[in-house]
mmCIF file of all heavy atoms, coordinates in Angstrom:
data_MODEL
# 
_entry.id   MODEL 
# 
loop_
_atom_site.group_PDB 
_atom_site.id 
_atom_site.type_symbol 
_atom_site.label_atom_id 
_atom_site.label_alt_id 
_atom_site.label_comp_id 
_atom_site.label_asym_id 
_atom_site.label_entity_id 
_atom_site.label_seq_id 
_atom_site.pdbx_PDB_ins_code 
_atom_site.Cartn_x 
_atom_site.Cartn_y 
_atom_site.Cartn_z 
_atom_site.occupancy 
_atom_site.B_iso_or_equiv 
_atom_site.pdbx_formal_charge 
_atom_site.auth_seq_id 
_atom_site.auth_comp_id 
_atom_site.auth_asym_id 
_atom_site.auth_atom_id 
_atom_site.pdbx_PDB_model_num 
ATOM 1   N N   . ALA A 1 1  ? -216.566 -122.757 -338.186 1.00 0.00 ? 1  ALA A N   1 
ATOM 2   C CA  . ALA A 1 1  ? -217.765 -122.705 -337.343 1.00 0.00 ? 1  ALA A CA  1 
ATOM 3   C C   . ALA A 1 1  ? -217.775 -121.404 -336.567 1.00 0.00 ? 1  ALA A C   1 
ATOM 4   O O   . ALA A 1 1  ? -216.935 -121.184 -335.696 1.00 0.00 ? 1  ALA A O   1 
ATOM 5   C CB  . ALA A 1 1  ? -217.795 -123.904 -336.404 1.00 0.00 ? 1  ALA A CB  1 
ATOM 6   N N   . SER A 1 2  ? -218.670 -120.507 -336.859 1.00 0.00 ? 2  SER A N   1 
ATOM 7   C CA  . SER A 1 2  ? -218.762 -119.220 -336.163 1.00 0.00 ? 2  SER A CA  1 
ATOM 8   C C   . SER A 1 2  ? -219.661 -119.349 -334.941 1.00 0.00 ? 2  SER A C   1 
ATOM 9   O O   . SER A 1 2  ? -220.336 -120.359 -334.733 1.00 0.00 ? 2  SER A O   1 
ATOM 10  C CB  . SER A 1 2  ? -219.311 -118.156 -337.110 1.00 0.00 ? 2  SER A CB  1 
ATOM 11  O OG  . SER A 1 2  ? -220.596 -118.532 -337.564 1.00 0.00 ? 2  SER A OG  1 
ATOM 12  N N   . THR A 1 3  ? -219.710 -118.287 -334.127 1.00 0.00 ? 3  THR A N   1 
ATOM 13  C CA  . THR A 1 3  ? -220.547 -118.306 -332.922 1.00 0.00 ? 3  THR A CA  1 
ATOM 14  C C   . THR A 1 3  ? -222.016 -118.346 -333.271 1.00 0.00 ? 3  THR A C   1 
ATOM 15  O O   . THR A 1 3  ? -222.807 -119.071 -332.669 1.00 0.00 ? 3  THR A O   1 
ATOM 16  C CB  . THR A 1 3  ? -220.241 -117.074 -332.061 1.00 0.00 ? 3  THR A CB  1 
ATOM 17  O OG1 . THR A 1 3  ? -218.848 -117.030 -331.819 1.00 0.00 ? 3  THR A OG1 1 
ATOM 18  C CG2 . THR A 1 3  ? -220.994 -117.127 -330.749 1.00 0.00 ? 3  THR A CG2 1 
ATOM 19  N N   . SER A 1 4  ? -222.388 -117.566 -334.286 1.00 0.00 ? 4  SER A N   1 
ATOM 20  C CA  . SER A 1 4  ? -223.797 -117.554 -334.696 1.00 0.00 ? 4  SER A CA  1 
ATOM 21  C C   . SER A 1 4  ? -224.232 -118.893 -335.261 1.00 0.00 ? 4  SER A C   1 
ATOM 22  O O   . SER A 1 4  ? -225.364 -119.325 -335.058 1.00 0.00 ? 4  SER A O   1 
ATOM 23  C CB  . SER A 1 4  ? -224.040 -116.441 -335.713 1.00 0.00 ? 4  SER A CB  1 
ATOM 24  O OG  . SER A 1 4  ? -223.240 -116.657 -336.860 1.00 0.00 ? 4  SER A OG  1 
ATOM 25  N N   . ALA A 1 5  ? -223.341 -119.537 -335.962 1.00 0.00 ? 5  ALA A N   1 
ATOM 26  C CA  . ALA A 1 5  ? -223.692 -120.839 -336.526 1.00 0.00 ? 5  ALA A CA  1 
ATOM 27  C C   . ALA A 1 5  ? -223.867 -121.881 -335.440 1.00 0.00 ? 5  ALA A C   1 
ATOM 28  O O   . ALA A 1 5  ? -224.687 -122.791 -335.559 1.00 0.00 ? 5  ALA A O   1 
ATOM 29  C CB  . ALA A 1 5  ? -222.632 -121.287 -337.522 1.00 0.00 ? 5  ALA A CB  1 
ATOM 30  N N   . SER A 1 6  ? -223.101 -121.753 -334.326 1.00 0.00 ? 6  SER A N   1 
ATOM 31  C CA  . SER A 1 6  ? -223.237 -122.724 -333.242 1.00 0.00 ? 6  SER A CA  1 
ATOM 32  C C   . SER A 1 6  ? -224.530 -122.514 -332.473 1.00 0.00 ? 6  SER A C   1 
ATOM 33  O O   . SER A 1 6  ? -225.082 -123.469 -331.921 1.00 0.00 ? 6  SER A O   1 
ATOM 34  C CB  . SER A 1 6  ? -222.036 -122.636 -332.301 1.00 0.00 ? 6  SER A CB  1 
ATOM 35  O OG  . SER A 1 6  ? -221.993 -121.344 -331.729 1.00 0.00 ? 6  SER A OG  1 
ATOM 36  N N   . ASN A 1 7  ? -225.016 -121.245 -332.392 1.00 0.00 ? 7  ASN A N   1 
ATOM 37  C CA  . ASN A 1 7  ? -226.267 -120.973 -331.677 1.00 0.00 ? 7  ASN A CA  1 
ATOM 38  C C   . ASN A 1 7  ? -227.494 -121.253 -332.523 1.00 0.00 ? 7  ASN A C   1 
ATOM 39  O O   . ASN A 1 7  ? -228.597 -121.369 -332.016 1.00 0.00 ? 7  ASN A O   1 
ATOM 40  C CB  . ASN A 1 7  ? -226.291 -119.522 -331.207 1.00 0.00 ? 7  ASN A CB  1 
ATOM 41  C CG  . ASN A 1 7  ? -225.178 -119.246 -330.193 1.00 0.00 ? 7  ASN A CG  1 
ATOM 42  O OD1 . ASN A 1 7  ? -224.770 -120.153 -329.460 1.00 0.00 ? 7  ASN A OD1 1 
ATOM 43  N ND2 . ASN A 1 7  ? -224.710 -117.993 -330.141 1.00 0.00 ? 7  ASN A ND2 1 
ATOM 44  N N   . ASP A 1 8  ? -227.308 -121.330 -333.826 1.00 0.00 ? 8  ASP A N   1 
ATOM 45  C CA  . ASP A 1 8  ? -228.446 -121.565 -334.705 1.00 0.00 ? 8  ASP A CA  1 
ATOM 46  C C   . ASP A 1 8  ? -228.877 -123.029 -334.605 1.00 0.00 ? 8  ASP A C   1 
ATOM 47  O O   . ASP A 1 8  ? -228.055 -123.926 -334.708 1.00 0.00 ? 8  ASP A O   1 
ATOM 48  C CB  . ASP A 1 8  ? -228.072 -121.217 -336.145 1.00 0.00 ? 8  ASP A CB  1 
ATOM 49  C CG  . ASP A 1 8  ? -229.303 -121.175 -337.035 1.00 0.00 ? 8  ASP A CG  1 
ATOM 50  O OD1 . ASP A 1 8  ? -230.402 -121.429 -336.511 1.00 0.00 ? 8  ASP A OD1 1 
ATOM 51  O OD2 . ASP A 1 8  ? -229.130 -120.897 -338.249 1.00 0.00 ? 8  ASP A OD2 1 
ATOM 52  N N   . SER A 1 9  ? -230.150 -123.212 -334.382 1.00 0.00 ? 9  SER A N   1 
ATOM 53  C CA  . SER A 1 9  ? -230.652 -124.579 -334.276 1.00 0.00 ? 9  SER A CA  1 
ATOM 54  C C   . SER A 1 9  ? -230.609 -125.311 -335.595 1.00 0.00 ? 9  SER A C   1 
ATOM 55  O O   . SER A 1 9  ? -230.496 -126.539 -335.635 1.00 0.00 ? 9  SER A O   1 
ATOM 56  C CB  . SER A 1 9  ? -232.090 -124.561 -333.736 1.00 0.00 ? 9  SER A CB  1 
ATOM 57  O OG  . SER A 1 9  ? -232.926 -123.817 -334.620 1.00 0.00 ? 9  SER A OG  1 
ATOM 58  N N   . SER A 1 10 ? -230.663 -124.522 -336.691 1.00 0.00 ? 10 SER A N   1 
ATOM 59  C CA  . SER A 1 10 ? -230.652 -125.179 -337.997 1.00 0.00 ? 10 SER A CA  1 
ATOM 60  C C   . SER A 1 10 ? -229.285 -125.728 -338.362 1.00 0.00 ? 10 SER A C   1 
ATOM 61  O O   . SER A 1 10 ? -229.163 -126.562 -339.248 1.00 0.00 ? 10 SER A O   1 
ATOM 62  C CB  . SER A 1 10 ? -231.120 -124.202 -339.081 1.00 0.00 ? 10 SER A CB  1 
ATOM 63  O OG  . SER A 1 10 ? -230.237 -123.093 -339.156 1.00 0.00 ? 10 SER A OG  1 
ATOM 64  N N   . SER A 1 11 ? -228.211 -125.224 -337.688 1.00 0.00 ? 11 SER A N   1 
ATOM 65  C CA  . SER A 1 11 ? -226.854 -125.682 -337.988 1.00 0.00 ? 11 SER A CA  1 
ATOM 66  C C   . SER A 1 11 ? -226.315 -126.598 -336.907 1.00 0.00 ? 11 SER A C   1 
ATOM 67  O O   . SER A 1 11 ? -225.137 -126.611 -336.613 1.00 0.00 ? 11 SER A O   1 
ATOM 68  C CB  . SER A 1 11 ? -225.918 -124.486 -338.173 1.00 0.00 ? 11 SER A CB  1 
ATOM 69  O OG  . SER A 1 11 ? -225.901 -123.712 -336.982 1.00 0.00 ? 11 SER A OG  1 
ATOM 70  N N   . SER A 1 12 ? -227.206 -127.294 -336.227 1.00 0.00 ? 12 SER A N   1 
ATOM 71  C CA  . SER A 1 12 ? -226.773 -128.228 -335.179 1.00 0.00 ? 12 SER A CA  1 
ATOM 72  C C   . SER A 1 12 ? -225.948 -129.378 -335.756 1.00 0.00 ? 12 SER A C   1 
ATOM 73  O O   . SER A 1 12 ? -225.001 -129.854 -335.133 1.00 0.00 ? 12 SER A O   1 
ATOM 74  C CB  . SER A 1 12 ? -227.999 -128.771 -334.428 1.00 0.00 ? 12 SER A CB  1 
ATOM 75  O OG  . SER A 1 12 ? -228.850 -129.437 -335.358 1.00 0.00 ? 12 SER A OG  1 
ATOM 76  N N   . SER A 1 13 ? -226.322 -129.827 -336.965 1.00 0.00 ? 13 SER A N   1 
ATOM 77  C CA  . SER A 1 13 ? -225.545 -130.896 -337.586 1.00 0.00 ? 13 SER A CA  1 
ATOM 78  C C   . SER A 1 13 ? -224.134 -130.433 -337.916 1.00 0.00 ? 13 SER A C   1 
ATOM 79  O O   . SER A 1 13 ? -223.163 -131.187 -337.783 1.00 0.00 ? 13 SER A O   1 
ATOM 80  C CB  . SER A 1 13 ? -226.252 -131.385 -338.849 1.00 0.00 ? 13 SER A CB  1 
ATOM 81  O OG  . SER A 1 13 ? -226.403 -130.308 -339.759 1.00 0.00 ? 13 SER A OG  1 
ATOM 82  N N   . SER A 1 14 ? -223.993 -129.165 -338.348 1.00 0.00 ? 14 SER A N   1 
ATOM 83  C CA  . SER A 1 14 ? -222.659 -128.628 -338.616 1.00 0.00 ? 14 SER A CA  1 
ATOM 84  C C   . SER A 1 14 ? -221.862 -128.492 -337.340 1.00 0.00 ? 14 SER A C   1 
ATOM 85  O O   . SER A 1 14 ? -220.646 -128.713 -337.323 1.00 0.00 ? 14 SER A O   1 
ATOM 86  C CB  . SER A 1 14 ? -222.788 -127.278 -339.322 1.00 0.00 ? 14 SER A CB  1 
ATOM 87  O OG  . SER A 1 14 ? -221.519 -126.701 -339.509 1.00 0.00 ? 14 SER A OG  1 
ATOM 88  N N   . HIS A 1 15 ? -222.536 -128.129 -336.240 1.00 0.00 ? 15 HIS A N   1 
ATOM 89  C CA  . HIS A 1 15 ? -221.839 -128.033 -334.946 1.00 0.00 ? 15 HIS A CA  1 
ATOM 90  C C   . HIS A 1 15 ? -221.292 -129.392 -334.538 1.00 0.00 ? 15 HIS A C   1 
ATOM 91  O O   . HIS A 1 15 ? -220.177 -129.505 -334.035 1.00 0.00 ? 15 HIS A O   1 
ATOM 92  C CB  . HIS A 1 15 ? -222.800 -127.491 -333.898 1.00 0.00 ? 15 HIS A CB  1 
ATOM 93  C CG  . HIS A 1 15 ? -222.223 -127.504 -332.498 1.00 0.00 ? 15 HIS A CG  1 
ATOM 94  N ND1 . HIS A 1 15 ? -221.250 -126.639 -332.101 1.00 0.00 ? 15 HIS A ND1 1 
ATOM 95  C CD2 . HIS A 1 15 ? -222.509 -128.307 -331.430 1.00 0.00 ? 15 HIS A CD2 1 
ATOM 96  C CE1 . HIS A 1 15 ? -220.931 -126.884 -330.836 1.00 0.00 ? 15 HIS A CE1 1 
ATOM 97  N NE2 . HIS A 1 15 ? -221.689 -127.891 -330.405 1.00 0.00 ? 15 HIS A NE2 1 
ATOM 98  N N   . ASP A 1 16 ? -222.053 -130.458 -334.759 1.00 0.00 ? 16 ASP A N   1 
ATOM 99  C CA  . ASP A 1 16 ? -221.580 -131.802 -334.426 1.00 0.00 ? 16 ASP A CA  1 
ATOM 100 C C   . ASP A 1 16 ? -220.413 -132.234 -335.316 1.00 0.00 ? 16 ASP A C   1 
ATOM 101 O O   . ASP A 1 16 ? -219.519 -132.956 -334.886 1.00 0.00 ? 16 ASP A O   1 
ATOM 102 C CB  . ASP A 1 16 ? -222.731 -132.803 -334.565 1.00 0.00 ? 16 ASP A CB  1 
ATOM 103 C CG  . ASP A 1 16 ? -223.835 -132.518 -333.544 1.00 0.00 ? 16 ASP A CG  1 
ATOM 104 O OD1 . ASP A 1 16 ? -223.519 -131.866 -332.524 1.00 0.00 ? 16 ASP A OD1 1 
ATOM 105 O OD2 . ASP A 1 16 ? -224.979 -132.924 -333.801 1.00 0.00 ? 16 ASP A OD2 1 
ATOM 106 N N   . ALA A 1 17 ? -220.417 -131.737 -336.557 1.00 0.00 ? 17 ALA A N   1 
ATOM 107 C CA  . ALA A 1 17 ? -219.339 -132.125 -337.467 1.00 0.00 ? 17 ALA A CA  1 
ATOM 108 C C   . ALA A 1 17 ? -218.014 -131.504 -337.070 1.00 0.00 ? 17 ALA A C   1 
ATOM 109 O O   . ALA A 1 17 ? -216.955 -132.135 -337.146 1.00 0.00 ? 17 ALA A O   1 
ATOM 110 C CB  . ALA A 1 17 ? -219.696 -131.714 -338.900 1.00 0.00 ? 17 ALA A CB  1 
ATOM 111 N N   . PHE A 1 18 ? -218.049 -130.247 -336.619 1.00 0.00 ? 18 PHE A N   1 
ATOM 112 C CA  . PHE A 1 18 ? -216.804 -129.574 -336.240 1.00 0.00 ? 18 PHE A CA  1 
ATOM 113 C C   . PHE A 1 18 ? -216.446 -129.755 -334.777 1.00 0.00 ? 18 PHE A C   1 
ATOM 114 O O   . PHE A 1 18 ? -215.428 -129.247 -334.322 1.00 0.00 ? 18 PHE A O   1 
ATOM 115 C CB  . PHE A 1 18 ? -216.922 -128.070 -336.541 1.00 0.00 ? 18 PHE A CB  1 
ATOM 116 C CG  . PHE A 1 18 ? -216.964 -127.765 -338.007 1.00 0.00 ? 18 PHE A CG  1 
ATOM 117 C CD1 . PHE A 1 18 ? -218.159 -127.480 -338.635 1.00 0.00 ? 18 PHE A CD1 1 
ATOM 118 C CD2 . PHE A 1 18 ? -215.805 -127.791 -338.760 1.00 0.00 ? 18 PHE A CD2 1 
ATOM 119 C CE1 . PHE A 1 18 ? -218.206 -127.218 -339.985 1.00 0.00 ? 18 PHE A CE1 1 
ATOM 120 C CE2 . PHE A 1 18 ? -215.843 -127.523 -340.110 1.00 0.00 ? 18 PHE A CE2 1 
ATOM 121 C CZ  . PHE A 1 18 ? -217.048 -127.239 -340.729 1.00 0.00 ? 18 PHE A CZ  1 
ATOM 122 N N   . ALA A 1 19 ? -217.287 -130.465 -334.034 1.00 0.00 ? 19 ALA A N   1 
ATOM 123 C CA  . ALA A 1 19 ? -216.937 -130.744 -332.641 1.00 0.00 ? 19 ALA A CA  1 
ATOM 124 C C   . ALA A 1 19 ? -215.739 -131.673 -332.545 1.00 0.00 ? 19 ALA A C   1 
ATOM 125 O O   . ALA A 1 19 ? -215.016 -131.663 -331.541 1.00 0.00 ? 19 ALA A O   1 
ATOM 126 C CB  . ALA A 1 19 ? -218.145 -131.358 -331.908 1.00 0.00 ? 19 ALA A CB  1 
ATOM 127 N N   . VAL A 1 20 ? -215.519 -132.457 -333.587 1.00 0.00 ? 20 VAL A N   1 
ATOM 128 C CA  . VAL A 1 20 ? -214.380 -133.370 -333.580 1.00 0.00 ? 20 VAL A CA  1 
ATOM 129 C C   . VAL A 1 20 ? -213.067 -132.602 -333.600 1.00 0.00 ? 20 VAL A C   1 
ATOM 130 O O   . VAL A 1 20 ? -212.049 -133.050 -333.059 1.00 0.00 ? 20 VAL A O   1 
ATOM 131 C CB  . VAL A 1 20 ? -214.464 -134.321 -334.790 1.00 0.00 ? 20 VAL A CB  1 
ATOM 132 C CG1 . VAL A 1 20 ? -213.331 -135.342 -334.763 1.00 0.00 ? 20 VAL A CG1 1 
ATOM 133 C CG2 . VAL A 1 20 ? -215.804 -135.026 -334.807 1.00 0.00 ? 20 VAL A CG2 1 
ATOM 134 N N   . LEU A 1 21 ? -213.080 -131.418 -334.185 1.00 0.00 ? 21 LEU A N   1 
ATOM 135 C CA  . LEU A 1 21 ? -211.842 -130.648 -334.302 1.00 0.00 ? 21 LEU A CA  1 
ATOM 136 C C   . LEU A 1 21 ? -211.378 -130.081 -332.980 1.00 0.00 ? 21 LEU A C   1 
ATOM 137 O O   . LEU A 1 21 ? -210.224 -129.687 -332.858 1.00 0.00 ? 21 LEU A O   1 
ATOM 138 C CB  . LEU A 1 21 ? -212.030 -129.519 -335.316 1.00 0.00 ? 21 LEU A CB  1 
ATOM 139 C CG  . LEU A 1 21 ? -212.490 -129.939 -336.705 1.00 0.00 ? 21 LEU A CG  1 
ATOM 140 C CD1 . LEU A 1 21 ? -212.674 -128.728 -337.593 1.00 0.00 ? 21 LEU A CD1 1 
ATOM 141 C CD2 . LEU A 1 21 ? -211.482 -130.892 -337.316 1.00 0.00 ? 21 LEU A CD2 1 
ATOM 142 N N   . ARG A 1 22 ? -212.297 -129.986 -331.990 1.00 0.00 ? 22 ARG A N   1 
ATOM 143 C CA  . ARG A 1 22 ? -211.899 -129.425 -330.700 1.00 0.00 ? 22 ARG A CA  1 
ATOM 144 C C   . ARG A 1 22 ? -210.935 -130.348 -329.949 1.00 0.00 ? 22 ARG A C   1 
ATOM 145 O O   . ARG A 1 22 ? -210.256 -129.920 -329.026 1.00 0.00 ? 22 ARG A O   1 
ATOM 146 C CB  . ARG A 1 22 ? -213.138 -129.166 -329.843 1.00 0.00 ? 22 ARG A CB  1 
ATOM 147 C CG  . ARG A 1 22 ? -214.086 -128.132 -330.427 1.00 0.00 ? 22 ARG A CG  1 
ATOM 148 C CD  . ARG A 1 22 ? -215.082 -127.662 -329.380 1.00 0.00 ? 22 ARG A CD  1 
ATOM 149 N NE  . ARG A 1 22 ? -216.037 -126.759 -329.956 1.00 0.00 ? 22 ARG A NE  1 
ATOM 150 C CZ  . ARG A 1 22 ? -217.263 -127.117 -330.353 1.00 0.00 ? 22 ARG A CZ  1 
ATOM 151 N NH1 . ARG A 1 22 ? -217.643 -128.386 -330.221 1.00 0.00 ? 22 ARG A NH1 1 
ATOM 152 N NH2 . ARG A 1 22 ? -218.085 -126.238 -330.867 1.00 0.00 ? 22 ARG A NH2 1 
ATOM 153 N N   . GLU A 1 23 ? -210.904 -131.611 -330.332 1.00 0.00 ? 23 GLU A N   1 
ATOM 154 C CA  . GLU A 1 23 ? -210.008 -132.541 -329.653 1.00 0.00 ? 23 GLU A CA  1 
ATOM 155 C C   . GLU A 1 23 ? -208.565 -132.385 -330.103 1.00 0.00 ? 23 GLU A C   1 
ATOM 156 O O   . GLU A 1 23 ? -207.670 -132.960 -329.483 1.00 0.00 ? 23 GLU A O   1 
ATOM 157 C CB  . GLU A 1 23 ? -210.463 -133.975 -329.917 1.00 0.00 ? 23 GLU A CB  1 
ATOM 158 C CG  . GLU A 1 23 ? -211.853 -134.271 -329.377 1.00 0.00 ? 23 GLU A CG  1 
ATOM 159 C CD  . GLU A 1 23 ? -212.276 -135.687 -329.663 1.00 0.00 ? 23 GLU A CD  1 
ATOM 160 O OE1 . GLU A 1 23 ? -211.445 -136.419 -330.254 1.00 0.00 ? 23 GLU A OE1 1 
ATOM 161 O OE2 . GLU A 1 23 ? -213.404 -136.083 -329.299 1.00 0.00 ? 23 GLU A OE2 1 
ATOM 162 N N   . LEU A 1 24 ? -208.329 -131.645 -331.189 1.00 0.00 ? 24 LEU A N   1 
ATOM 163 C CA  . LEU A 1 24 ? -206.961 -131.434 -331.643 1.00 0.00 ? 24 LEU A CA  1 
ATOM 164 C C   . LEU A 1 24 ? -206.225 -130.504 -330.710 1.00 0.00 ? 24 LEU A C   1 
ATOM 165 O O   . LEU A 1 24 ? -206.803 -129.579 -330.123 1.00 0.00 ? 24 LEU A O   1 
ATOM 166 C CB  . LEU A 1 24 ? -206.962 -130.853 -333.063 1.00 0.00 ? 24 LEU A CB  1 
ATOM 167 C CG  . LEU A 1 24 ? -207.644 -131.712 -334.122 1.00 0.00 ? 24 LEU A CG  1 
ATOM 168 C CD1 . LEU A 1 24 ? -207.626 -130.994 -335.465 1.00 0.00 ? 24 LEU A CD1 1 
ATOM 169 C CD2 . LEU A 1 24 ? -206.949 -133.063 -334.241 1.00 0.00 ? 24 LEU A CD2 1 
ATOM 170 N N   . GLU A 1 25 ? -204.924 -130.741 -330.553 1.00 0.00 ? 25 GLU A N   1 
ATOM 171 C CA  . GLU A 1 25 ? -204.118 -129.905 -329.674 1.00 0.00 ? 25 GLU A CA  1 
ATOM 172 C C   . GLU A 1 25 ? -203.864 -128.559 -330.333 1.00 0.00 ? 25 GLU A C   1 
ATOM 173 O O   . GLU A 1 25 ? -203.492 -128.475 -331.505 1.00 0.00 ? 25 GLU A O   1 
ATOM 174 C CB  . GLU A 1 25 ? -202.787 -130.599 -329.376 1.00 0.00 ? 25 GLU A CB  1 
ATOM 175 C CG  . GLU A 1 25 ? -202.950 -131.899 -328.600 1.00 0.00 ? 25 GLU A CG  1 
ATOM 176 C CD  . GLU A 1 25 ? -201.610 -132.517 -328.275 1.00 0.00 ? 25 GLU A CD  1 
ATOM 177 O OE1 . GLU A 1 25 ? -200.586 -131.889 -328.598 1.00 0.00 ? 25 GLU A OE1 1 
ATOM 178 O OE2 . GLU A 1 25 ? -201.586 -133.621 -327.706 1.00 0.00 ? 25 GLU A OE2 1 
ATOM 179 N N   . SER A 1 26 ? -204.078 -127.512 -329.563 1.00 0.00 ? 26 SER A N   1 
ATOM 180 C CA  . SER A 1 26 ? -203.846 -126.161 -330.090 1.00 0.00 ? 26 SER A CA  1 
ATOM 181 C C   . SER A 1 26 ? -202.397 -125.709 -329.923 1.00 0.00 ? 26 SER A C   1 
ATOM 182 O O   . SER A 1 26 ? -201.933 -124.820 -330.635 1.00 0.00 ? 26 SER A O   1 
ATOM 183 C CB  . SER A 1 26 ? -204.770 -125.163 -329.387 1.00 0.00 ? 26 SER A CB  1 
ATOM 184 O OG  . SER A 1 26 ? -204.531 -125.188 -327.976 1.00 0.00 ? 26 SER A OG  1 
ATOM 185 N N   . ASP A 1 27 ? -201.678 -126.322 -328.987 1.00 0.00 ? 27 ASP A N   1 
ATOM 186 C CA  . ASP A 1 27 ? -200.288 -125.921 -328.757 1.00 0.00 ? 27 ASP A CA  1 
ATOM 187 C C   . ASP A 1 27 ? -199.360 -126.668 -329.706 1.00 0.00 ? 27 ASP A C   1 
ATOM 188 O O   . ASP A 1 27 ? -199.658 -127.766 -330.163 1.00 0.00 ? 27 ASP A O   1 
ATOM 189 C CB  . ASP A 1 27 ? -199.881 -126.220 -327.308 1.00 0.00 ? 27 ASP A CB  1 
ATOM 190 C CG  . ASP A 1 27 ? -200.710 -125.413 -326.319 1.00 0.00 ? 27 ASP A CG  1 
ATOM 191 O OD1 . ASP A 1 27 ? -201.229 -124.349 -326.750 1.00 0.00 ? 27 ASP A OD1 1 
ATOM 192 O OD2 . ASP A 1 27 ? -200.848 -125.853 -325.167 1.00 0.00 ? 27 ASP A OD2 1 
ATOM 193 N N   . SER A 1 28 ? -198.207 -126.064 -329.973 1.00 0.00 ? 28 SER A N   1 
ATOM 194 C CA  . SER A 1 28 ? -197.221 -126.674 -330.860 1.00 0.00 ? 28 SER A CA  1 
ATOM 195 C C   . SER A 1 28 ? -196.400 -127.719 -330.112 1.00 0.00 ? 28 SER A C   1 
ATOM 196 O O   . SER A 1 28 ? -196.194 -127.627 -328.895 1.00 0.00 ? 28 SER A O   1 
ATOM 197 C CB  . SER A 1 28 ? -196.296 -125.602 -331.437 1.00 0.00 ? 28 SER A CB  1 
ATOM 198 O OG  . SER A 1 28 ? -195.249 -126.188 -332.153 1.00 0.00 ? 28 SER A OG  1 
# 
């Protein structure tokens, strides 16, 4: 998910799909 794709209104469904990944822990 790139920045432009998140700002694009046409890719709102894709933004919702990858929002689940933000809950994953980034630290080891």
